[in-house]
Amino acid sequence: MAQVSGPMSDECMILIKAQPHRSSKYTETVCCAGVGRDRKWRRQYPVPFRILHEDQQFKRWQWIKYDFVPPAGTDPRHESQRVLQETLVSTSIMKREERAHFLAPLVRSSTEEADANRDSLALVRPKRIVLRAHDKPKDDLEYETREHKKLADQGSLFAMDRQVKPFTPCRKRFTLDWVDVNSKSHTHVCDDWETVTAFERFDRLYGEERALRELRQKYEQQYFDAGLVLGFSTHSRRNIEYGSRNQWLLVGLIRLDETNQAQMMF
């Protein structure tokens, strides 16, 4: 991304919101990404999502407007933008019937195809998926909980005259076994915030055993039968632009209805 003297304005339709993580600067941030009107990827990082005003917070498929500056020399990926938090405005939500046609040119056959294109964000449509849940070790969960509470206690989650509650880590870690169109098998840790939120909602309603059944039905059947794409981002330090092989992180399980090839021609 070319260097400029001041902030630039942009607009993006959000597709990806990873789970909140503790950053090296002792704040809680979320990696977000989406697509502009020009059908090109944008990555917004870091976004202190839970301290945004309610009218600034956004969902998947929602358009946002904001000012940004390029990352300060730490992220060479051309899709990356450092959003100026106070400028962010959430607007309309893309209609379901518009989504598949709009995003069809961005769907890749595999992460290898994304590598060849020097993409650092990609959508891949899998042939098969199995979603698995694993109990986090007690010590790991307690450590995560303490560290997120420490952020709030230190005041790093204070914003706009209000205090945000410490983030409560999910007691489950999710992985996805999937097969690409070339019949190559993969396993990725799933860092999609929406997947974790769905489990926690089902857990409150039904208890853990049924919650896991409902979660698998949602993604393995409902979404997969209608059309599912996996959202990937490269690791911020392990990627082609940083001089190493891409490490792809699974950051989205996204319903995107199937579309025919003719629709991909513009």
C-alpha atoms as a PDB file:
ATOM      1  CA  MET A   1       0.000   0.000   0.000  1.00  0.00           C
ATOM      2  CA  ALA A   2       1.418   3.359  -0.999  1.00  0.00           C
ATOM      3  CA  GLN A   3       2.402   5.721   1.790  1.00  0.00           C
ATOM      4  CA  VAL A   4       0.246   8.832   2.138  1.00  0.00           C
ATOM      5  CA  SER A   5       0.485  11.937   4.270  1.00  0.00           C
ATOM      6  CA  GLY A   6      -2.853  11.583   6.063  1.00  0.00           C
ATOM      7  CA  PRO A   7      -5.892   9.362   6.664  1.00  0.00           C
ATOM      8  CA  MET A   8      -7.945   7.962   3.781  1.00  0.00           C
ATOM      9  CA  SER A   9     -11.659   7.134   3.726  1.00  0.00           C
ATOM     10  CA  ASP A  10     -13.065   3.747   2.788  1.00  0.00           C
ATOM     11  CA  GLU A  11     -16.144   1.525   2.865  1.00  0.00           C
ATOM     12  CA  CYS A  12     -16.293  -2.210   3.467  1.00  0.00           C
ATOM     13  CA  MET A  13     -18.868  -4.981   3.837  1.00  0.00           C
ATOM     14  CA  ILE A  14     -17.818  -7.107   6.822  1.00  0.00           C
ATOM     15  CA  LEU A  15     -17.391 -10.857   6.370  1.00  0.00           C
ATOM     16  CA  ILE A  16     -14.952 -11.842   9.100  1.00  0.00           C
ATOM     17  CA  LYS A  17     -14.787 -11.174  12.835  1.00  0.00           C
ATOM     18  CA  ALA A  18     -12.300 -13.346  14.685  1.00  0.00           C
ATOM     19  CA  GLN A  19     -12.589 -13.971  18.413  1.00  0.00           C
ATOM     20  CA  PRO A  20     -11.237 -11.208  20.671  1.00  0.00           C
ATOM     21  CA  HIS A  21      -7.567 -11.618  21.524  1.00  0.00           C
ATOM     22  CA  ARG A  22      -5.165  -9.922  23.895  1.00  0.00           C
ATOM     23  CA  SER A  23      -2.713  -7.837  21.916  1.00  0.00           C
ATOM     24  CA  SER A  24       0.922  -7.127  22.692  1.00  0.00           C
ATOM     25  CA  LYS A  25      -0.122  -3.635  23.796  1.00  0.00           C
ATOM     26  CA  TYR A  26      -2.303  -4.991  26.607  1.00  0.00           C
ATOM     27  CA  THR A  27      -5.590  -4.305  24.900  1.00  0.00           C
ATOM     28  CA  GLU A  28      -8.320  -6.555  23.542  1.00  0.00           C
ATOM     29  CA  THR A  29      -8.601  -6.481  19.777  1.00  0.00           C
ATOM     30  CA  VAL A  30     -10.509  -8.214  17.000  1.00  0.00           C
ATOM     31  CA  CYS A  31      -9.262  -8.963  13.497  1.00  0.00           C
ATOM     32  CA  CYS A  32     -12.003  -7.995  11.046  1.00  0.00           C
ATOM     33  CA  ALA A  33     -12.098  -8.176   7.270  1.00  0.00           C
ATOM     34  CA  GLY A  34     -14.467  -7.664   4.401  1.00  0.00           C
ATOM     35  CA  VAL A  35     -14.914  -6.544   0.831  1.00  0.00           C
ATOM     36  CA  GLY A  36     -15.267  -3.084  -0.689  1.00  0.00           C
ATOM     37  CA  ARG A  37     -17.601  -1.905  -3.448  1.00  0.00           C
ATOM     38  CA  ASP A  38     -14.792  -2.750  -5.874  1.00  0.00           C
ATOM     39  CA  ARG A  39     -14.933  -6.425  -4.765  1.00  0.00           C
ATOM     40  CA  LYS A  40     -11.476  -6.233  -3.211  1.00  0.00           C
ATOM     41  CA  TRP A  41     -10.544  -7.358   0.282  1.00  0.00           C
ATOM     42  CA  ARG A  42      -9.867  -5.043   3.220  1.00  0.00           C
ATOM     43  CA  ARG A  43      -8.488  -6.103   6.603  1.00  0.00           C
ATOM     44  CA  GLN A  44      -9.259  -3.906   9.611  1.00  0.00           C
ATOM     45  CA  TYR A  45      -6.870  -4.573  12.462  1.00  0.00           C
ATOM     46  CA  PRO A  46      -6.720  -4.042  15.306  1.00  0.00           C
ATOM     47  CA  VAL A  47     -10.341  -3.162  16.104  1.00  0.00           C
ATOM     48  CA  PRO A  48     -11.204  -2.752  19.821  1.00  0.00           C
ATOM     49  CA  PHE A  49     -14.679  -4.042  18.987  1.00  0.00           C
ATOM     50  CA  ARG A  50     -16.214  -4.310  22.444  1.00  0.00           C
ATOM     51  CA  ILE A  51     -15.420  -0.704  23.358  1.00  0.00           C
ATOM     52  CA  LEU A  52     -17.074   0.723  20.276  1.00  0.00           C
ATOM     53  CA  HIS A  53     -20.325   2.598  20.777  1.00  0.00           C
ATOM     54  CA  GLU A  54     -23.367   0.395  20.230  1.00  0.00           C
ATOM     55  CA  ASP A  55     -24.229   2.232  17.003  1.00  0.00           C
ATOM     56  CA  GLN A  56     -20.682   1.599  15.710  1.00  0.00           C
ATOM     57  CA  GLN A  57     -20.671  -2.144  16.314  1.00  0.00           C
ATOM     58  CA  PHE A  58     -21.307  -4.233  13.223  1.00  0.00           C
ATOM     59  CA  LYS A  59     -22.406  -7.678  12.108  1.00  0.00           C
ATOM     60  CA  ARG A  60     -21.382  -9.921   9.271  1.00  0.00           C
ATOM     61  CA  TRP A  61     -22.799  -8.596   5.967  1.00  0.00           C
ATOM     62  CA  GLN A  62     -22.968  -5.025   7.310  1.00  0.00           C
ATOM     63  CA  TRP A  63     -21.355  -2.099   5.472  1.00  0.00           C
ATOM     64  CA  ILE A  64     -19.101   0.175   7.483  1.00  0.00           C
ATOM     65  CA  LYS A  65     -17.483   3.506   6.621  1.00  0.00           C
ATOM     66  CA  TYR A  66     -14.272   4.691   8.258  1.00  0.00           C
ATOM     67  CA  ASP A  67     -10.997   6.536   7.896  1.00  0.00           C
ATOM     68  CA  PHE A  68      -7.755   4.595   8.040  1.00  0.00           C
ATOM     69  CA  VAL A  69      -4.007   4.841   7.764  1.00  0.00           C
ATOM     70  CA  PRO A  70      -1.615   2.118   6.555  1.00  0.00           C
ATOM     71  CA  PRO A  71      -0.151  -0.148   9.263  1.00  0.00           C
ATOM     72  CA  ALA A  72       2.944   1.406  10.810  1.00  0.00           C
ATOM     73  CA  GLY A  73       5.546  -0.714   9.036  1.00  0.00           C
ATOM     74  CA  THR A  74       4.572  -3.952  10.799  1.00  0.00           C
ATOM     75  CA  ASP A  75       2.177  -5.463   8.265  1.00  0.00           C
ATOM     76  CA  PRO A  76       3.179  -5.591   4.588  1.00  0.00           C
ATOM     77  CA  ARG A  77      -0.049  -7.270   3.459  1.00  0.00           C
ATOM     78  CA  HIS A  78      -1.645  -4.890   0.981  1.00  0.00           C
ATOM     79  CA  GLU A  79      -5.214  -5.537   2.230  1.00  0.00           C
ATOM     80  CA  SER A  80      -4.439  -4.313   5.766  1.00  0.00           C
ATOM     81  CA  GLN A  81      -5.752  -1.023   7.160  1.00  0.00           C
ATOM     82  CA  ARG A  82      -5.409   0.566  10.591  1.00  0.00           C
ATOM     83  CA  VAL A  83      -8.861   2.002  11.272  1.00  0.00           C
ATOM     84  CA  LEU A  84      -9.267   5.265  13.157  1.00  0.00           C
ATOM     85  CA  GLN A  85     -11.776   4.113  15.737  1.00  0.00           C
ATOM     86  CA  GLU A  86     -13.613   7.398  16.208  1.00  0.00           C
ATOM     87  CA  THR A  87     -14.487   7.623  12.481  1.00  0.00           C
ATOM     88  CA  LEU A  88     -16.190   4.241  12.172  1.00  0.00           C
ATOM     89  CA  VAL A  89     -19.871   4.273  11.168  1.00  0.00           C
ATOM     90  CA  SER A  90     -22.066   1.195  10.614  1.00  0.00           C
ATOM     91  CA  THR A  91     -24.633   1.438   7.827  1.00  0.00           C
ATOM     92  CA  SER A  92     -26.812  -0.973   5.815  1.00  0.00           C
ATOM     93  CA  ILE A  93     -26.764  -4.788   5.664  1.00  0.00           C
ATOM     94  CA  MET A  94     -26.328  -6.500   2.294  1.00  0.00           C
ATOM     95  CA  LYS A  95     -29.457  -8.397   1.227  1.00  0.00           C
ATOM     96  CA  ARG A  96     -29.155 -12.188   1.202  1.00  0.00           C
ATOM     97  CA  GLU A  97     -30.074 -12.431  -2.482  1.00  0.00           C
ATOM     98  CA  GLU A  98     -27.181 -10.114  -3.435  1.00  0.00           C
ATOM     99  CA  ARG A  99     -24.393 -11.907  -1.563  1.00  0.00           C
ATOM    100  CA  ALA A 100     -23.486 -14.915  -3.728  1.00  0.00           C
ATOM    101  CA  HIS A 101     -23.270 -12.927  -6.947  1.00  0.00           C
ATOM    102  CA  PHE A 102     -21.241 -10.145  -5.317  1.00  0.00           C
ATOM    103  CA  LEU A 103     -18.656 -12.481  -3.777  1.00  0.00           C
ATOM    104  CA  ALA A 104     -18.435 -15.164  -6.477  1.00  0.00           C
ATOM    105  CA  PRO A 105     -15.210 -13.745  -8.039  1.00  0.00           C
ATOM    106  CA  LEU A 106     -13.431 -14.044  -4.663  1.00  0.00           C
ATOM    107  CA  VAL A 107     -14.144 -17.743  -4.052  1.00  0.00           C
ATOM    108  CA  ARG A 108     -10.993 -19.862  -4.481  1.00  0.00           C
ATOM    109  CA  SER A 109     -10.676 -23.593  -5.044  1.00  0.00           C
ATOM    110  CA  SER A 110      -8.035 -23.951  -2.324  1.00  0.00           C
ATOM    111  CA  THR A 111      -5.556 -22.029  -0.217  1.00  0.00           C
ATOM    112  CA  GLU A 112      -2.943 -23.038  -2.801  1.00  0.00           C
ATOM    113  CA  GLU A 113      -4.819 -20.978  -5.398  1.00  0.00           C
ATOM    114  CA  ALA A 114      -4.871 -18.075  -2.937  1.00  0.00           C
ATOM    115  CA  ASP A 115      -1.098 -18.488  -2.476  1.00  0.00           C
ATOM    116  CA  ALA A 116      -0.586 -18.290  -6.235  1.00  0.00           C
ATOM    117  CA  ASN A 117      -2.609 -15.051  -6.347  1.00  0.00           C
ATOM    118  CA  ARG A 118      -0.639 -13.588  -3.392  1.00  0.00           C
ATOM    119  CA  ASP A 119      -3.901 -13.196  -1.506  1.00  0.00           C
ATOM    120  CA  SER A 120      -3.759 -12.803   2.249  1.00  0.00           C
ATOM    121  CA  LEU A 121      -7.522 -13.214   2.633  1.00  0.00           C
ATOM    122  CA  ALA A 122      -9.536 -15.886   0.880  1.00  0.00           C
ATOM    123  CA  LEU A 123     -12.873 -17.652   0.664  1.00  0.00           C
ATOM    124  CA  VAL A 124     -12.690 -21.386  -0.076  1.00  0.00           C
ATOM    125  CA  ARG A 125     -15.699 -23.626  -0.745  1.00  0.00           C
ATOM    126  CA  PRO A 126     -15.111 -27.062   0.816  1.00  0.00           C
ATOM    127  CA  LYS A 127     -16.286 -30.466  -0.459  1.00  0.00           C
ATOM    128  CA  ARG A 128     -16.789 -31.874   3.049  1.00  0.00           C
ATOM    129  CA  ILE A 129     -16.575 -30.591   6.613  1.00  0.00           C
ATOM    130  CA  VAL A 130     -16.660 -31.995  10.143  1.00  0.00           C
ATOM    131  CA  LEU A 131     -16.808 -29.530  13.040  1.00  0.00           C
ATOM    132  CA  ARG A 132     -15.277 -30.784  16.285  1.00  0.00           C
ATOM    133  CA  ALA A 133     -15.332 -29.395  19.833  1.00  0.00           C
ATOM    134  CA  HIS A 134     -12.592 -29.908  22.415  1.00  0.00           C
ATOM    135  CA  ASP A 135     -12.563 -29.038  26.099  1.00  0.00           C
ATOM    136  CA  LYS A 136      -9.898 -26.475  26.885  1.00  0.00           C
ATOM    137  CA  PRO A 137      -7.537 -27.596  29.654  1.00  0.00           C
ATOM    138  CA  LYS A 138      -8.667 -26.137  32.959  1.00  0.00           C
ATOM    139  CA  ASP A 139      -5.361 -24.319  33.510  1.00  0.00           C
ATOM    140  CA  ASP A 140      -5.506 -22.740  30.029  1.00  0.00           C
ATOM    141  CA  LEU A 141      -9.079 -21.545  30.516  1.00  0.00           C
ATOM    142  CA  GLU A 142      -8.300 -20.095  33.935  1.00  0.00           C
ATOM    143  CA  TYR A 143      -5.259 -18.309  32.525  1.00  0.00           C
ATOM    144  CA  GLU A 144      -7.257 -16.785  29.649  1.00  0.00           C
ATOM    145  CA  THR A 145      -9.964 -15.659  32.060  1.00  0.00           C
ATOM    146  CA  ARG A 146      -7.444 -14.041  34.437  1.00  0.00           C
ATOM    147  CA  GLU A 147      -5.656 -12.225  31.631  1.00  0.00           C
ATOM    148  CA  HIS A 148      -8.850 -10.787  30.148  1.00  0.00           C
ATOM    149  CA  LYS A 149      -9.968  -9.669  33.613  1.00  0.00           C
ATOM    150  CA  LYS A 150      -6.567  -8.056  34.108  1.00  0.00           C
ATOM    151  CA  LEU A 151      -7.133  -5.952  30.977  1.00  0.00           C
ATOM    152  CA  ALA A 152     -10.310  -4.538  32.457  1.00  0.00           C
ATOM    153  CA  ASP A 153      -8.769  -4.058  35.902  1.00  0.00           C
ATOM    154  CA  GLN A 154      -5.868  -2.132  34.364  1.00  0.00           C
ATOM    155  CA  GLY A 155      -8.314   0.193  32.661  1.00  0.00           C
ATOM    156  CA  SER A 156      -7.316  -0.756  29.109  1.00  0.00           C
ATOM    157  CA  LEU A 157     -10.909  -1.557  28.179  1.00  0.00           C
ATOM    158  CA  PHE A 158     -12.257   1.787  29.376  1.00  0.00           C
ATOM    159  CA  ALA A 159     -13.635   3.935  26.625  1.00  0.00           C
ATOM    160  CA  MET A 160     -16.105   6.696  26.027  1.00  0.00           C
ATOM    161  CA  ASP A 161     -16.979   7.130  29.734  1.00  0.00           C
ATOM    162  CA  ARG A 162     -18.003   3.534  30.252  1.00  0.00           C
ATOM    163  CA  GLN A 163     -16.417   0.290  31.406  1.00  0.00           C
ATOM    164  CA  VAL A 164     -16.602  -2.887  29.347  1.00  0.00           C
ATOM    165  CA  LYS A 165     -16.916  -6.190  31.194  1.00  0.00           C
ATOM    166  CA  PRO A 166     -13.976  -8.583  30.856  1.00  0.00           C
ATOM    167  CA  PHE A 167     -14.323 -10.935  27.905  1.00  0.00           C
ATOM    168  CA  THR A 168     -15.305 -14.455  28.973  1.00  0.00           C
ATOM    169  CA  PRO A 169     -13.373 -17.044  26.943  1.00  0.00           C
ATOM    170  CA  CYS A 170     -15.330 -20.011  25.617  1.00  0.00           C
ATOM    171  CA  ARG A 171     -14.606 -23.269  27.429  1.00  0.00           C
ATOM    172  CA  LYS A 172     -14.489 -25.071  24.079  1.00  0.00           C
ATOM    173  CA  ARG A 173     -11.943 -24.937  21.299  1.00  0.00           C
ATOM    174  CA  PHE A 174     -13.333 -25.750  17.853  1.00  0.00           C
ATOM    175  CA  THR A 175     -11.528 -27.351  14.944  1.00  0.00           C
ATOM    176  CA  LEU A 176     -12.693 -28.045  11.417  1.00  0.00           C
ATOM    177  CA  ASP A 177     -11.711 -31.068   9.360  1.00  0.00           C
ATOM    178  CA  TRP A 178     -12.376 -30.258   5.724  1.00  0.00           C
ATOM    179  CA  VAL A 179     -11.624 -31.420   2.204  1.00  0.00           C
ATOM    180  CA  ASP A 180     -10.971 -29.056  -0.709  1.00  0.00           C
ATOM    181  CA  VAL A 181     -12.002 -29.519  -4.352  1.00  0.00           C
ATOM    182  CA  ASN A 182      -8.712 -31.283  -5.029  1.00  0.00           C
ATOM    183  CA  SER A 183      -9.651 -33.913  -2.393  1.00  0.00           C
ATOM    184  CA  LYS A 184      -6.880 -32.699  -0.101  1.00  0.00           C
ATOM    185  CA  SER A 185      -7.688 -32.983   3.623  1.00  0.00           C
ATOM    186  CA  HIS A 186      -7.037 -30.186   6.115  1.00  0.00           C
ATOM    187  CA  THR A 187      -7.575 -29.461   9.801  1.00  0.00           C
ATOM    188  CA  HIS A 188      -7.745 -25.908  11.141  1.00  0.00           C
ATOM    189  CA  VAL A 189      -8.519 -24.364  14.493  1.00  0.00           C
ATOM    190  CA  CYS A 190     -11.680 -22.288  14.060  1.00  0.00           C
ATOM    191  CA  ASP A 191     -11.270 -18.719  15.323  1.00  0.00           C
ATOM    192  CA  ASP A 192     -14.637 -17.489  14.016  1.00  0.00           C
ATOM    193  CA  TRP A 193     -16.369 -15.431  16.722  1.00  0.00           C
ATOM    194  CA  GLU A 194     -19.815 -16.183  15.267  1.00  0.00           C
ATOM    195  CA  THR A 195     -19.272 -19.949  15.666  1.00  0.00           C
ATOM    196  CA  VAL A 196     -18.331 -19.555  19.334  1.00  0.00           C
ATOM    197  CA  THR A 197     -21.284 -17.217  19.929  1.00  0.00           C
ATOM    198  CA  ALA A 198     -23.668 -19.733  18.332  1.00  0.00           C
ATOM    199  CA  PHE A 199     -22.395 -22.500  20.631  1.00  0.00           C
ATOM    200  CA  GLU A 200     -22.765 -20.322  23.715  1.00  0.00           C
ATOM    201  CA  ARG A 201     -26.319 -19.377  22.718  1.00  0.00           C
ATOM    202  CA  PHE A 202     -27.287 -23.021  22.142  1.00  0.00           C
ATOM    203  CA  ASP A 203     -25.572 -23.976  25.424  1.00  0.00           C
ATOM    204  CA  ARG A 204     -27.693 -21.490  27.390  1.00  0.00           C
ATOM    205  CA  LEU A 205     -30.859 -22.790  25.734  1.00  0.00           C
ATOM    206  CA  TYR A 206     -30.272 -26.536  25.687  1.00  0.00           C
ATOM    207  CA  GLY A 207     -27.182 -27.538  27.643  1.00  0.00           C
ATOM    208  CA  GLU A 208     -23.871 -28.707  26.227  1.00  0.00           C
ATOM    209  CA  GLU A 209     -24.787 -32.041  24.634  1.00  0.00           C
ATOM    210  CA  ARG A 210     -27.660 -30.690  22.557  1.00  0.00           C
ATOM    211  CA  ALA A 211     -25.799 -27.434  21.913  1.00  0.00           C
ATOM    212  CA  LEU A 212     -23.041 -29.331  20.125  1.00  0.00           C
ATOM    213  CA  ARG A 213     -25.599 -31.260  18.054  1.00  0.00           C
ATOM    214  CA  GLU A 214     -27.341 -28.011  17.099  1.00  0.00           C
ATOM    215  CA  LEU A 215     -24.023 -26.394  16.191  1.00  0.00           C
ATOM    216  CA  ARG A 216     -23.001 -29.247  13.910  1.00  0.00           C
ATOM    217  CA  GLN A 217     -26.433 -29.287  12.304  1.00  0.00           C
ATOM    218  CA  LYS A 218     -26.195 -25.552  11.652  1.00  0.00           C
ATOM    219  CA  TYR A 219     -22.855 -25.731   9.855  1.00  0.00           C
ATOM    220  CA  GLU A 220     -22.508 -29.297   8.559  1.00  0.00           C
ATOM    221  CA  GLN A 221     -26.071 -29.521   7.243  1.00  0.00           C
ATOM    222  CA  GLN A 222     -27.957 -26.217   7.053  1.00  0.00           C
ATOM    223  CA  TYR A 223     -25.074 -24.010   5.888  1.00  0.00           C
ATOM    224  CA  PHE A 224     -23.268 -26.712   3.911  1.00  0.00           C
ATOM    225  CA  ASP A 225     -26.376 -27.764   1.983  1.00  0.00           C
ATOM    226  CA  ALA A 226     -27.236 -24.152   1.104  1.00  0.00           C
ATOM    227  CA  GLY A 227     -23.647 -23.166   0.391  1.00  0.00           C
ATOM    228  CA  LEU A 228     -20.718 -22.704   2.769  1.00  0.00           C
ATOM    229  CA  VAL A 229     -17.395 -20.940   2.327  1.00  0.00           C
ATOM    230  CA  LEU A 230     -14.477 -20.909   4.725  1.00  0.00           C
ATOM    231  CA  GLY A 231     -12.905 -17.531   5.424  1.00  0.00           C
ATOM    232  CA  PHE A 232      -9.117 -17.529   5.788  1.00  0.00           C
ATOM    233  CA  SER A 233      -6.512 -14.947   6.690  1.00  0.00           C
ATOM    234  CA  THR A 234      -2.770 -15.368   6.645  1.00  0.00           C
ATOM    235  CA  HIS A 235      -0.858 -15.036   9.908  1.00  0.00           C
ATOM    236  CA  SER A 236       0.413 -11.475  10.390  1.00  0.00           C
ATOM    237  CA  ARG A 237       4.050 -12.604  10.627  1.00  0.00           C
ATOM    238  CA  ARG A 238       3.992 -15.887   8.699  1.00  0.00           C
ATOM    239  CA  ASN A 239       3.043 -14.965   5.167  1.00  0.00           C
ATOM    240  CA  ILE A 240       4.534 -14.504   1.707  1.00  0.00           C
ATOM    241  CA  GLU A 241       4.802 -10.725   2.053  1.00  0.00           C
ATOM    242  CA  TYR A 242       6.793 -11.202   5.256  1.00  0.00           C
ATOM    243  CA  GLY A 243       9.202 -13.536   3.472  1.00  0.00           C
ATOM    244  CA  SER A 244       7.879 -16.903   4.605  1.00  0.00           C
ATOM    245  CA  ARG A 245       5.319 -19.487   3.557  1.00  0.00           C
ATOM    246  CA  ASN A 246       1.693 -18.526   4.194  1.00  0.00           C
ATOM    247  CA  GLN A 247       0.148 -19.857   7.385  1.00  0.00           C
ATOM    248  CA  TRP A 248      -3.606 -19.781   6.820  1.00  0.00           C
ATOM    249  CA  LEU A 249      -5.884 -19.157   9.812  1.00  0.00           C
ATOM    250  CA  LEU A 250      -9.562 -20.158   9.701  1.00  0.00           C
ATOM    251  CA  VAL A 251     -11.498 -17.061  10.773  1.00  0.00           C
ATOM    252  CA  GLY A 252     -14.948 -17.541   9.235  1.00  0.00           C
ATOM    253  CA  LEU A 253     -17.592 -20.205   8.574  1.00  0.00           C
ATOM    254  CA  ILE A 254     -19.860 -18.269   6.240  1.00  0.00           C
ATOM    255  CA  ARG A 255     -23.117 -19.196   4.579  1.00  0.00           C
ATOM    256  CA  LEU A 256     -22.814 -18.201   0.940  1.00  0.00           C
ATOM    257  CA  ASP A 257     -25.373 -19.856  -1.275  1.00  0.00           C
ATOM    258  CA  GLU A 258     -24.114 -21.706  -4.320  1.00  0.00           C
ATOM    259  CA  THR A 259     -24.095 -19.752  -7.573  1.00  0.00           C
ATOM    260  CA  ASN A 260     -23.572 -20.958 -11.131  1.00  0.00           C
ATOM    261  CA  GLN A 261     -20.413 -20.204 -13.065  1.00  0.00           C
ATOM    262  CA  ALA A 262     -22.207 -17.971 -15.553  1.00  0.00           C
ATOM    263  CA  GLN A 263     -22.902 -15.490 -12.784  1.00  0.00           C
ATOM    264  CA  MET A 264     -19.169 -15.066 -12.233  1.00  0.00           C
ATOM    265  CA  MET A 265     -18.703 -13.411 -15.612  1.00  0.00           C
ATOM    266  CA  PHE A 266     -18.952  -9.627 -15.456  1.00  0.00           C
END
